[in-house]
Amino acid sequence: MITYLCGELVESLPNQLTLDVNGVGYRVLIPLSTYDVLGQEKGRLKILTHLQVREDAHTLYGFASTAERDLFRLLIQRVSGVGPKIALAVLSGIAVDDFKAAVVRGDVEFISQVKGLGKKTAERIVLELKDKVGVVEAWEQSVQAGTEDHSFNDGLLALIHLGYSQSEARKAIAQLRKKGELSGNESADEIIRAALRLLN
């Protein structure tokens, strides 16, 4: 799995970047949100990636942030009928936090405004994500909390994506806080690492 690339930006278009990494050119498909952040940069840059391997192609998708990549993976892995093309369209049309809030509200109309999505696909996205135990509950808390405790919610979501139940993930984080191993100021990555040590 290629998780990120660091290299010289050779070419940038609204839907793809070309990076020269030690003399090898990588074509990376990106959403508009990533192009807005990275596409105008000159010189060396780092981009988070997701590699999709199929019989006929190996395709790299790139993202400016972990939140974008996590949402992309959630859509292609957890929603039937949603592939990389639709997932990129969602990221290109809606900010990650706005998408999460729309799913929590069940706002199909808002999501269906994404170009190329359609109402039926938007309904399926909302329905299937609401069926995934823990995902929407974590988003709901994040929306209600505003900017507070994003690290906790991001850590909780990551543990759910790794296959732990919401209650297991919550219990592990609560236990770490009770023991004093988490103070509340940690990043999502630090929370995930500490919780995995405890859960394993």
N, C-alpha and C. Protein backbone atom coordinates (compact mmCIF):
# COMPACT_ATOMS: atom_id res chain seq x y z
N MET A 1 0.85 -1.20 0.00
CA MET A 1 0.00 0.00 0.00
C MET A 1 0.88 1.24 0.00
N ILE A 2 0.63 2.15 -0.92
CA ILE A 2 1.34 3.43 -0.93
C ILE A 2 0.48 4.40 -0.15
N THR A 3 0.97 4.88 1.00
CA THR A 3 0.14 5.73 1.86
C THR A 3 0.37 7.22 1.64
N TYR A 4 1.54 7.61 1.12
CA TYR A 4 1.76 9.00 0.73
C TYR A 4 2.93 9.07 -0.24
N LEU A 5 3.02 10.21 -0.94
CA LEU A 5 4.15 10.46 -1.84
C LEU A 5 4.74 11.82 -1.51
N CYS A 6 6.05 11.91 -1.56
CA CYS A 6 6.74 13.20 -1.46
C CYS A 6 7.55 13.37 -2.73
N GLY A 7 7.35 14.46 -3.42
CA GLY A 7 8.10 14.67 -4.65
C GLY A 7 7.89 16.04 -5.23
N GLU A 8 8.50 16.25 -6.40
CA GLU A 8 8.38 17.53 -7.11
C GLU A 8 7.11 17.54 -7.94
N LEU A 9 6.35 18.61 -7.81
CA LEU A 9 5.13 18.75 -8.62
C LEU A 9 5.52 19.08 -10.05
N VAL A 10 5.18 18.19 -10.98
CA VAL A 10 5.52 18.38 -12.39
C VAL A 10 4.38 19.03 -13.14
N GLU A 11 3.16 18.58 -12.85
CA GLU A 11 1.98 19.10 -13.55
C GLU A 11 0.79 19.03 -12.61
N SER A 12 -0.08 20.04 -12.67
CA SER A 12 -1.30 20.00 -11.86
C SER A 12 -2.49 20.43 -12.71
N LEU A 13 -3.51 19.59 -12.67
CA LEU A 13 -4.79 19.86 -13.32
C LEU A 13 -5.86 19.72 -12.24
N PRO A 14 -7.07 20.27 -12.47
CA PRO A 14 -8.10 20.18 -11.42
C PRO A 14 -8.44 18.75 -10.98
N ASN A 15 -8.18 17.75 -11.83
CA ASN A 15 -8.53 16.38 -11.44
C ASN A 15 -7.33 15.44 -11.26
N GLN A 16 -6.10 15.96 -11.47
CA GLN A 16 -4.93 15.11 -11.28
C GLN A 16 -3.65 15.91 -11.11
N LEU A 17 -2.69 15.27 -10.42
CA LEU A 17 -1.35 15.83 -10.26
C LEU A 17 -0.35 14.82 -10.80
N THR A 18 0.79 15.30 -11.27
CA THR A 18 1.90 14.43 -11.60
C THR A 18 3.06 14.81 -10.71
N LEU A 19 3.55 13.82 -9.95
CA LEU A 19 4.67 14.03 -9.03
C LEU A 19 5.88 13.25 -9.49
N ASP A 20 7.04 13.91 -9.47
CA ASP A 20 8.30 13.23 -9.75
C ASP A 20 8.91 12.82 -8.41
N VAL A 21 8.92 11.51 -8.15
CA VAL A 21 9.50 11.00 -6.91
C VAL A 21 10.77 10.23 -7.27
N ASN A 22 11.92 10.88 -7.05
CA ASN A 22 13.23 10.28 -7.36
C ASN A 22 13.30 9.75 -8.80
N GLY A 23 12.82 10.55 -9.74
CA GLY A 23 12.93 10.19 -11.15
C GLY A 23 11.79 9.34 -11.69
N VAL A 24 10.82 8.97 -10.82
CA VAL A 24 9.64 8.21 -11.27
C VAL A 24 8.43 9.13 -11.23
N GLY A 25 7.71 9.24 -12.34
CA GLY A 25 6.53 10.10 -12.40
C GLY A 25 5.27 9.35 -11.99
N TYR A 26 4.58 9.86 -10.97
CA TYR A 26 3.33 9.26 -10.50
C TYR A 26 2.16 10.16 -10.88
N ARG A 27 1.17 9.56 -11.55
CA ARG A 27 -0.07 10.30 -11.84
C ARG A 27 -1.03 9.98 -10.70
N VAL A 28 -1.54 11.04 -10.06
CA VAL A 28 -2.41 10.89 -8.89
C VAL A 28 -3.73 11.60 -9.17
N LEU A 29 -4.83 10.87 -9.15
CA LEU A 29 -6.15 11.46 -9.35
C LEU A 29 -6.59 12.12 -8.04
N ILE A 30 -7.14 13.33 -8.14
CA ILE A 30 -7.48 14.11 -6.94
C ILE A 30 -8.86 14.75 -7.06
N PRO A 31 -9.48 15.07 -5.91
CA PRO A 31 -10.70 15.87 -5.94
C PRO A 31 -10.35 17.36 -6.05
N LEU A 32 -11.32 18.18 -6.39
CA LEU A 32 -11.09 19.63 -6.50
C LEU A 32 -10.62 20.24 -5.18
N SER A 33 -11.10 19.68 -4.07
CA SER A 33 -10.71 20.21 -2.75
C SER A 33 -9.19 20.09 -2.55
N THR A 34 -8.61 19.01 -3.03
CA THR A 34 -7.16 18.82 -2.94
C THR A 34 -6.43 19.74 -3.91
N TYR A 35 -6.97 19.89 -5.10
CA TYR A 35 -6.37 20.80 -6.09
C TYR A 35 -6.33 22.23 -5.54
N ASP A 36 -7.40 22.64 -4.86
CA ASP A 36 -7.46 24.00 -4.29
C ASP A 36 -6.33 24.22 -3.28
N VAL A 37 -5.96 23.15 -2.55
CA VAL A 37 -4.92 23.27 -1.53
C VAL A 37 -3.52 23.06 -2.11
N LEU A 38 -3.34 22.03 -2.93
CA LEU A 38 -2.00 21.65 -3.39
C LEU A 38 -1.68 22.01 -4.84
N GLY A 39 -2.71 22.17 -5.65
CA GLY A 39 -2.50 22.33 -7.09
C GLY A 39 -1.72 23.56 -7.50
N GLN A 40 -1.76 24.59 -6.69
CA GLN A 40 -1.08 25.84 -7.03
C GLN A 40 0.34 25.91 -6.47
N GLU A 41 0.71 24.90 -5.67
CA GLU A 41 2.04 24.93 -5.06
C GLU A 41 3.12 24.66 -6.09
N LYS A 42 4.28 25.18 -5.82
CA LYS A 42 5.45 24.93 -6.67
C LYS A 42 6.45 24.09 -5.89
N GLY A 43 7.23 23.32 -6.62
CA GLY A 43 8.30 22.57 -5.97
C GLY A 43 7.83 21.30 -5.29
N ARG A 44 8.44 21.01 -4.14
CA ARG A 44 8.23 19.73 -3.46
C ARG A 44 6.96 19.76 -2.62
N LEU A 45 6.21 18.65 -2.68
CA LEU A 45 5.02 18.56 -1.83
C LEU A 45 4.78 17.12 -1.39
N LYS A 46 3.96 16.99 -0.36
CA LYS A 46 3.57 15.67 0.15
C LYS A 46 2.07 15.52 -0.05
N ILE A 47 1.66 14.36 -0.56
CA ILE A 47 0.23 14.10 -0.77
C ILE A 47 -0.11 12.73 -0.20
N LEU A 48 -1.20 12.65 0.56
CA LEU A 48 -1.68 11.38 1.09
C LEU A 48 -2.34 10.61 -0.04
N THR A 49 -2.20 9.29 -0.06
CA THR A 49 -2.72 8.52 -1.19
C THR A 49 -3.51 7.29 -0.76
N HIS A 50 -4.32 6.84 -1.69
CA HIS A 50 -5.01 5.55 -1.59
C HIS A 50 -4.76 4.83 -2.91
N LEU A 51 -4.25 3.62 -2.84
CA LEU A 51 -3.95 2.83 -4.04
C LEU A 51 -5.06 1.82 -4.26
N GLN A 52 -5.66 1.88 -5.46
CA GLN A 52 -6.66 0.88 -5.83
C GLN A 52 -6.06 -0.06 -6.86
N VAL A 53 -6.07 -1.35 -6.55
CA VAL A 53 -5.51 -2.36 -7.45
C VAL A 53 -6.65 -3.14 -8.08
N ARG A 54 -6.69 -3.10 -9.42
CA ARG A 54 -7.66 -3.91 -10.16
C ARG A 54 -6.90 -4.75 -11.17
N GLU A 55 -7.61 -5.67 -11.79
CA GLU A 55 -6.97 -6.54 -12.79
C GLU A 55 -6.29 -5.76 -13.89
N ASP A 56 -6.96 -4.69 -14.34
CA ASP A 56 -6.46 -3.96 -15.50
C ASP A 56 -5.74 -2.65 -15.16
N ALA A 57 -5.66 -2.28 -13.88
CA ALA A 57 -5.02 -1.00 -13.55
C ALA A 57 -4.68 -0.89 -12.07
N HIS A 58 -3.61 -0.14 -11.79
CA HIS A 58 -3.28 0.30 -10.43
C HIS A 58 -3.47 1.81 -10.45
N THR A 59 -4.40 2.33 -9.65
CA THR A 59 -4.72 3.74 -9.69
C THR A 59 -4.46 4.39 -8.34
N LEU A 60 -3.74 5.51 -8.35
CA LEU A 60 -3.47 6.26 -7.12
C LEU A 60 -4.43 7.44 -7.02
N TYR A 61 -5.05 7.59 -5.84
CA TYR A 61 -5.90 8.73 -5.55
C TYR A 61 -5.21 9.54 -4.46
N GLY A 62 -5.22 10.86 -4.59
CA GLY A 62 -4.48 11.70 -3.65
C GLY A 62 -5.35 12.70 -2.92
N PHE A 63 -4.90 13.07 -1.70
CA PHE A 63 -5.70 13.93 -0.83
C PHE A 63 -4.80 14.86 -0.03
N ALA A 64 -5.30 16.06 0.21
CA ALA A 64 -4.54 17.04 0.97
C ALA A 64 -4.62 16.78 2.47
N SER A 65 -5.67 16.07 2.93
CA SER A 65 -5.83 15.86 4.37
C SER A 65 -6.28 14.44 4.67
N THR A 66 -6.06 14.02 5.91
CA THR A 66 -6.50 12.70 6.37
C THR A 66 -8.01 12.60 6.34
N ALA A 67 -8.70 13.69 6.68
CA ALA A 67 -10.18 13.68 6.69
C ALA A 67 -10.73 13.37 5.31
N GLU A 68 -10.12 13.96 4.27
CA GLU A 68 -10.56 13.69 2.89
C GLU A 68 -10.35 12.22 2.54
N ARG A 69 -9.17 11.71 2.84
CA ARG A 69 -8.87 10.32 2.50
C ARG A 69 -9.77 9.36 3.27
N ASP A 70 -10.02 9.64 4.55
CA ASP A 70 -10.89 8.77 5.36
C ASP A 70 -12.30 8.73 4.79
N LEU A 71 -12.82 9.89 4.37
CA LEU A 71 -14.17 9.93 3.80
C LEU A 71 -14.21 9.19 2.46
N PHE A 72 -13.19 9.36 1.64
CA PHE A 72 -13.09 8.64 0.36
C PHE A 72 -13.15 7.13 0.61
N ARG A 73 -12.35 6.66 1.55
CA ARG A 73 -12.31 5.22 1.86
C ARG A 73 -13.64 4.73 2.42
N LEU A 74 -14.26 5.53 3.27
CA LEU A 74 -15.54 5.15 3.85
C LEU A 74 -16.59 4.97 2.75
N LEU A 75 -16.60 5.90 1.81
CA LEU A 75 -17.59 5.84 0.73
C LEU A 75 -17.38 4.62 -0.17
N ILE A 76 -16.13 4.36 -0.58
CA ILE A 76 -15.91 3.26 -1.52
C ILE A 76 -15.98 1.89 -0.85
N GLN A 77 -15.72 1.84 0.47
CA GLN A 77 -15.71 0.55 1.16
C GLN A 77 -17.03 0.21 1.83
N ARG A 78 -17.81 1.22 2.17
CA ARG A 78 -19.00 0.96 2.99
C ARG A 78 -20.33 1.25 2.29
N VAL A 79 -20.31 1.90 1.14
CA VAL A 79 -21.57 2.22 0.45
C VAL A 79 -21.62 1.46 -0.86
N SER A 80 -22.59 0.57 -1.00
CA SER A 80 -22.69 -0.24 -2.22
C SER A 80 -22.98 0.65 -3.43
N GLY A 81 -22.30 0.33 -4.52
CA GLY A 81 -22.52 1.08 -5.76
C GLY A 81 -21.75 2.38 -5.85
N VAL A 82 -20.97 2.71 -4.81
CA VAL A 82 -20.16 3.94 -4.84
C VAL A 82 -18.70 3.55 -5.06
N GLY A 83 -18.16 3.98 -6.19
CA GLY A 83 -16.77 3.73 -6.51
C GLY A 83 -15.95 5.00 -6.37
N PRO A 84 -14.68 4.92 -6.76
CA PRO A 84 -13.79 6.07 -6.64
C PRO A 84 -14.28 7.32 -7.39
N LYS A 85 -14.89 7.13 -8.55
CA LYS A 85 -15.35 8.28 -9.34
C LYS A 85 -16.40 9.09 -8.58
N ILE A 86 -17.38 8.39 -7.99
CA ILE A 86 -18.42 9.08 -7.22
C ILE A 86 -17.83 9.68 -5.94
N ALA A 87 -16.95 8.93 -5.28
CA ALA A 87 -16.34 9.43 -4.05
C ALA A 87 -15.55 10.72 -4.31
N LEU A 88 -14.81 10.76 -5.43
CA LEU A 88 -14.09 11.99 -5.80
C LEU A 88 -15.06 13.13 -6.08
N ALA A 89 -16.19 12.81 -6.73
CA ALA A 89 -17.20 13.84 -7.02
C ALA A 89 -17.77 14.43 -5.73
N VAL A 90 -18.00 13.56 -4.73
CA VAL A 90 -18.50 14.04 -3.43
C VAL A 90 -17.49 15.00 -2.80
N LEU A 91 -16.22 14.59 -2.77
CA LEU A 91 -15.18 15.44 -2.18
C LEU A 91 -14.98 16.73 -2.97
N SER A 92 -15.21 16.67 -4.28
CA SER A 92 -15.07 17.87 -5.11
C SER A 92 -16.22 18.84 -4.89
N GLY A 93 -17.40 18.28 -4.51
CA GLY A 93 -18.59 19.12 -4.42
C GLY A 93 -18.97 19.59 -3.03
N ILE A 94 -18.50 18.89 -2.01
CA ILE A 94 -18.91 19.21 -0.63
C ILE A 94 -17.70 19.11 0.29
N ALA A 95 -17.55 20.08 1.18
CA ALA A 95 -16.49 20.01 2.20
C ALA A 95 -16.79 18.84 3.14
N VAL A 96 -15.76 18.22 3.68
CA VAL A 96 -15.91 17.03 4.52
C VAL A 96 -16.87 17.29 5.68
N ASP A 97 -16.69 18.39 6.41
CA ASP A 97 -17.55 18.67 7.56
C ASP A 97 -19.00 18.91 7.15
N ASP A 98 -19.20 19.56 5.99
CA ASP A 98 -20.57 19.80 5.49
C ASP A 98 -21.23 18.48 5.10
N PHE A 99 -20.43 17.56 4.52
CA PHE A 99 -20.97 16.25 4.15
C PHE A 99 -21.40 15.48 5.40
N LYS A 100 -20.53 15.47 6.41
CA LYS A 100 -20.86 14.76 7.65
C LYS A 100 -22.14 15.32 8.27
N ALA A 101 -22.24 16.65 8.32
CA ALA A 101 -23.43 17.29 8.89
C ALA A 101 -24.68 16.93 8.09
N ALA A 102 -24.56 16.86 6.75
CA ALA A 102 -25.70 16.52 5.90
C ALA A 102 -26.16 15.08 6.14
N VAL A 103 -25.21 14.15 6.33
CA VAL A 103 -25.57 12.76 6.61
C VAL A 103 -26.27 12.67 7.96
N VAL A 104 -25.75 13.38 8.95
CA VAL A 104 -26.35 13.38 10.28
C VAL A 104 -27.79 13.89 10.21
N ARG A 105 -28.03 14.95 9.39
CA ARG A 105 -29.37 15.52 9.24
C ARG A 105 -30.25 14.69 8.32
N GLY A 106 -29.64 13.79 7.55
CA GLY A 106 -30.39 13.03 6.54
C GLY A 106 -30.78 13.91 5.37
N ASP A 107 -29.95 14.90 5.07
CA ASP A 107 -30.25 15.89 4.03
C ASP A 107 -29.86 15.37 2.63
N VAL A 108 -30.75 14.56 2.07
CA VAL A 108 -30.51 13.95 0.76
C VAL A 108 -30.44 15.03 -0.33
N GLU A 109 -31.27 16.04 -0.22
CA GLU A 109 -31.31 17.11 -1.24
C GLU A 109 -29.96 17.80 -1.36
N PHE A 110 -29.35 18.10 -0.23
CA PHE A 110 -28.05 18.77 -0.22
C PHE A 110 -26.98 17.90 -0.88
N ILE A 111 -26.94 16.62 -0.51
CA ILE A 111 -25.93 15.71 -1.06
C ILE A 111 -26.16 15.47 -2.54
N SER A 112 -27.44 15.40 -2.95
CA SER A 112 -27.74 15.10 -4.36
C SER A 112 -27.39 16.27 -5.30
N GLN A 113 -27.01 17.42 -4.74
CA GLN A 113 -26.59 18.56 -5.58
C GLN A 113 -25.20 18.35 -6.18
N VAL A 114 -24.48 17.36 -5.67
CA VAL A 114 -23.15 17.06 -6.22
C VAL A 114 -23.31 16.62 -7.67
N LYS A 115 -22.52 17.20 -8.55
CA LYS A 115 -22.62 16.90 -9.98
C LYS A 115 -22.37 15.42 -10.24
N GLY A 116 -23.31 14.79 -10.95
CA GLY A 116 -23.16 13.38 -11.32
C GLY A 116 -23.61 12.39 -10.26
N LEU A 117 -24.21 12.89 -9.17
CA LEU A 117 -24.58 11.99 -8.07
C LEU A 117 -26.00 11.46 -8.21
N GLY A 118 -26.98 12.33 -8.30
CA GLY A 118 -28.37 11.88 -8.40
C GLY A 118 -28.98 11.59 -7.05
N LYS A 119 -30.32 11.69 -7.00
CA LYS A 119 -31.03 11.56 -5.73
C LYS A 119 -30.97 10.14 -5.17
N LYS A 120 -31.08 9.14 -6.05
CA LYS A 120 -31.07 7.74 -5.56
C LYS A 120 -29.73 7.39 -4.91
N THR A 121 -28.64 7.82 -5.52
CA THR A 121 -27.32 7.53 -4.94
C THR A 121 -27.15 8.27 -3.62
N ALA A 122 -27.62 9.53 -3.58
CA ALA A 122 -27.54 10.31 -2.34
C ALA A 122 -28.35 9.64 -1.23
N GLU A 123 -29.52 9.12 -1.58
CA GLU A 123 -30.35 8.42 -0.58
C GLU A 123 -29.63 7.17 -0.07
N ARG A 124 -28.98 6.43 -0.99
CA ARG A 124 -28.26 5.22 -0.59
C ARG A 124 -27.08 5.56 0.32
N ILE A 125 -26.37 6.65 0.00
CA ILE A 125 -25.24 7.07 0.84
C ILE A 125 -25.72 7.36 2.26
N VAL A 126 -26.77 8.15 2.39
CA VAL A 126 -27.30 8.51 3.71
C VAL A 126 -27.78 7.27 4.44
N LEU A 127 -28.57 6.44 3.76
CA LEU A 127 -29.14 5.25 4.37
C LEU A 127 -28.06 4.27 4.84
N GLU A 128 -27.10 3.99 3.96
CA GLU A 128 -26.08 3.00 4.31
C GLU A 128 -25.09 3.51 5.36
N LEU A 129 -24.78 4.81 5.33
CA LEU A 129 -23.89 5.33 6.37
C LEU A 129 -24.59 5.40 7.71
N LYS A 130 -25.91 5.65 7.70
CA LYS A 130 -26.66 5.65 8.96
C LYS A 130 -26.75 4.24 9.54
N ASP A 131 -26.67 3.23 8.66
CA ASP A 131 -26.73 1.84 9.12
C ASP A 131 -25.42 1.36 9.73
N LYS A 132 -24.32 2.07 9.43
CA LYS A 132 -23.02 1.64 9.94
C LYS A 132 -22.88 2.07 11.39
N VAL A 133 -22.89 1.11 12.28
CA VAL A 133 -22.89 1.39 13.71
C VAL A 133 -21.67 2.23 14.08
N GLY A 134 -21.94 3.34 14.75
CA GLY A 134 -20.85 4.15 15.29
C GLY A 134 -20.42 5.30 14.41
N VAL A 135 -20.53 5.17 13.10
CA VAL A 135 -20.00 6.21 12.21
C VAL A 135 -20.79 7.50 12.37
N VAL A 136 -22.10 7.42 12.16
CA VAL A 136 -22.93 8.64 12.22
C VAL A 136 -23.02 9.17 13.64
N GLU A 137 -23.02 8.27 14.64
CA GLU A 137 -23.05 8.73 16.03
C GLU A 137 -21.84 9.60 16.33
N ALA A 138 -20.67 9.17 15.86
CA ALA A 138 -19.44 9.95 16.07
C ALA A 138 -19.53 11.28 15.34
N TRP A 139 -20.05 11.25 14.10
CA TRP A 139 -20.21 12.50 13.35
C TRP A 139 -21.18 13.44 14.06
N GLU A 140 -22.26 12.85 14.60
CA GLU A 140 -23.28 13.64 15.29
C GLU A 140 -22.66 14.40 16.46
N GLN A 141 -21.85 13.70 17.23
CA GLN A 141 -21.18 14.33 18.37
C GLN A 141 -20.23 15.42 17.89
N SER A 142 -19.54 15.15 16.78
CA SER A 142 -18.60 16.12 16.23
C SER A 142 -19.33 17.38 15.80
N VAL A 143 -20.49 17.20 15.14
CA VAL A 143 -21.29 18.35 14.68
C VAL A 143 -21.78 19.15 15.88
N GLN A 144 -22.28 18.45 16.92
CA GLN A 144 -22.80 19.12 18.11
C GLN A 144 -21.69 19.83 18.89
N ALA A 145 -20.50 19.21 18.89
CA ALA A 145 -19.39 19.77 19.66
C ALA A 145 -18.74 20.95 18.97
N GLY A 146 -19.06 21.17 17.70
CA GLY A 146 -18.40 22.22 16.95
C GLY A 146 -16.95 21.85 16.75
N THR A 147 -16.03 22.75 17.15
CA THR A 147 -14.61 22.48 16.92
C THR A 147 -13.98 21.69 18.07
N GLU A 148 -14.70 21.51 19.16
CA GLU A 148 -14.12 20.85 20.33
C GLU A 148 -14.00 19.34 20.12
N ASP A 149 -12.95 18.80 20.66
CA ASP A 149 -12.75 17.36 20.73
C ASP A 149 -12.77 16.65 19.38
N HIS A 150 -12.29 17.31 18.34
CA HIS A 150 -12.21 16.69 17.02
C HIS A 150 -11.27 15.49 17.04
N SER A 151 -10.20 15.60 17.82
CA SER A 151 -9.23 14.50 17.89
C SER A 151 -9.88 13.24 18.44
N PHE A 152 -10.71 13.40 19.47
CA PHE A 152 -11.42 12.26 20.04
C PHE A 152 -12.31 11.61 18.99
N ASN A 153 -13.10 12.42 18.28
CA ASN A 153 -14.03 11.88 17.29
C ASN A 153 -13.30 11.25 16.11
N ASP A 154 -12.20 11.88 15.67
CA ASP A 154 -11.42 11.32 14.56
C ASP A 154 -10.80 9.99 14.98
N GLY A 155 -10.28 9.94 16.21
CA GLY A 155 -9.70 8.71 16.73
C GLY A 155 -10.74 7.60 16.85
N LEU A 156 -11.92 7.96 17.34
CA LEU A 156 -13.02 7.00 17.48
C LEU A 156 -13.43 6.44 16.12
N LEU A 157 -13.58 7.33 15.13
CA LEU A 157 -13.95 6.89 13.78
C LEU A 157 -12.90 5.96 13.18
N ALA A 158 -11.63 6.30 13.37
CA ALA A 158 -10.56 5.47 12.82
C ALA A 158 -10.60 4.06 13.42
N LEU A 159 -10.85 3.97 14.72
CA LEU A 159 -10.93 2.66 15.38
C LEU A 159 -12.13 1.86 14.86
N ILE A 160 -13.24 2.54 14.60
CA ILE A 160 -14.42 1.87 14.02
C ILE A 160 -14.09 1.36 12.63
N HIS A 161 -13.37 2.18 11.83
CA HIS A 161 -12.96 1.75 10.48
C HIS A 161 -12.05 0.53 10.53
N LEU A 162 -11.28 0.41 11.62
CA LEU A 162 -10.36 -0.71 11.77
C LEU A 162 -11.08 -1.99 12.23
N GLY A 163 -12.39 -1.89 12.46
CA GLY A 163 -13.17 -3.08 12.79
C GLY A 163 -13.63 -3.21 14.23
N TYR A 164 -13.25 -2.25 15.08
CA TYR A 164 -13.71 -2.30 16.47
C TYR A 164 -15.12 -1.72 16.56
N SER A 165 -15.91 -2.21 17.49
CA SER A 165 -17.25 -1.66 17.67
C SER A 165 -17.13 -0.29 18.34
N GLN A 166 -18.21 0.49 18.24
CA GLN A 166 -18.19 1.82 18.85
C GLN A 166 -17.97 1.71 20.36
N SER A 167 -18.63 0.73 20.99
CA SER A 167 -18.49 0.61 22.45
C SER A 167 -17.07 0.21 22.84
N GLU A 168 -16.44 -0.70 22.07
CA GLU A 168 -15.05 -1.09 22.35
C GLU A 168 -14.12 0.12 22.25
N ALA A 169 -14.30 0.90 21.18
CA ALA A 169 -13.44 2.06 20.95
C ALA A 169 -13.62 3.10 22.06
N ARG A 170 -14.87 3.39 22.40
CA ARG A 170 -15.16 4.37 23.46
C ARG A 170 -14.59 3.91 24.80
N LYS A 171 -14.80 2.62 25.09
CA LYS A 171 -14.33 2.07 26.36
C LYS A 171 -12.81 2.17 26.48
N ALA A 172 -12.11 1.86 25.38
CA ALA A 172 -10.64 1.92 25.38
C ALA A 172 -10.16 3.34 25.64
N ILE A 173 -10.76 4.32 24.94
CA ILE A 173 -10.35 5.72 25.10
C ILE A 173 -10.67 6.20 26.52
N ALA A 174 -11.86 5.83 27.03
CA ALA A 174 -12.24 6.23 28.39
C ALA A 174 -11.27 5.63 29.42
N GLN A 175 -10.89 4.38 29.20
CA GLN A 175 -9.95 3.70 30.11
C GLN A 175 -8.59 4.40 30.12
N LEU A 176 -8.12 4.79 28.93
CA LEU A 176 -6.83 5.48 28.83
C LEU A 176 -6.88 6.83 29.53
N ARG A 177 -8.02 7.52 29.41
CA ARG A 177 -8.16 8.82 30.09
C ARG A 177 -8.20 8.64 31.60
N LYS A 178 -8.90 7.59 32.04
CA LYS A 178 -9.02 7.31 33.47
C LYS A 178 -7.65 7.00 34.08
N LYS A 179 -6.83 6.24 33.33
CA LYS A 179 -5.49 5.89 33.79
C LYS A 179 -4.52 7.06 33.72
N GLY A 180 -4.93 8.14 33.06
CA GLY A 180 -4.06 9.30 32.90
C GLY A 180 -3.11 9.20 31.72
N GLU A 181 -3.31 8.18 30.87
CA GLU A 181 -2.45 8.02 29.70
C GLU A 181 -2.85 8.97 28.57
N LEU A 182 -4.07 9.49 28.62
CA LEU A 182 -4.53 10.52 27.68
C LEU A 182 -4.99 11.72 28.49
N SER A 183 -4.47 12.88 28.14
CA SER A 183 -4.82 14.09 28.90
C SER A 183 -5.96 14.87 28.25
N GLY A 184 -6.23 14.58 26.96
CA GLY A 184 -7.26 15.34 26.25
C GLY A 184 -6.68 16.28 25.23
N ASN A 185 -5.33 16.44 25.26
CA ASN A 185 -4.68 17.34 24.30
C ASN A 185 -3.98 16.60 23.16
N GLU A 186 -4.14 15.26 23.12
CA GLU A 186 -3.45 14.47 22.10
C GLU A 186 -4.08 14.64 20.72
N SER A 187 -3.27 14.36 19.70
CA SER A 187 -3.79 14.35 18.33
C SER A 187 -4.55 13.03 18.13
N ALA A 188 -5.31 12.95 17.03
CA ALA A 188 -6.06 11.73 16.71
C ALA A 188 -5.10 10.55 16.57
N ASP A 189 -3.93 10.77 15.93
CA ASP A 189 -2.95 9.69 15.75
C ASP A 189 -2.47 9.13 17.08
N GLU A 190 -2.21 10.03 18.04
CA GLU A 190 -1.74 9.59 19.36
C GLU A 190 -2.82 8.79 20.09
N ILE A 191 -4.07 9.23 19.94
CA ILE A 191 -5.20 8.52 20.56
C ILE A 191 -5.33 7.13 19.96
N ILE A 192 -5.24 7.04 18.63
CA ILE A 192 -5.36 5.75 17.93
C ILE A 192 -4.27 4.79 18.38
N ARG A 193 -3.02 5.27 18.39
CA ARG A 193 -1.89 4.40 18.77
C ARG A 193 -2.06 3.88 20.21
N ALA A 194 -2.45 4.77 21.12
CA ALA A 194 -2.61 4.37 22.52
C ALA A 194 -3.76 3.36 22.65
N ALA A 195 -4.87 3.62 21.94
CA ALA A 195 -6.03 2.72 22.03
C ALA A 195 -5.69 1.36 21.43
N LEU A 196 -4.95 1.33 20.33
CA LEU A 196 -4.58 0.05 19.71
C LEU A 196 -3.68 -0.78 20.62
N ARG A 197 -2.77 -0.10 21.33
CA ARG A 197 -1.91 -0.81 22.28
C ARG A 197 -2.76 -1.50 23.36
N LEU A 198 -3.77 -0.78 23.82
CA LEU A 198 -4.65 -1.31 24.86
C LEU A 198 -5.54 -2.43 24.31
N LEU A 199 -6.10 -2.22 23.14
CA LEU A 199 -7.04 -3.20 22.56
C LEU A 199 -6.34 -4.48 22.12
N ASN A 200 -5.06 -4.37 21.75
CA ASN A 200 -4.32 -5.55 21.31
C ASN A 200 -3.65 -6.24 22.49
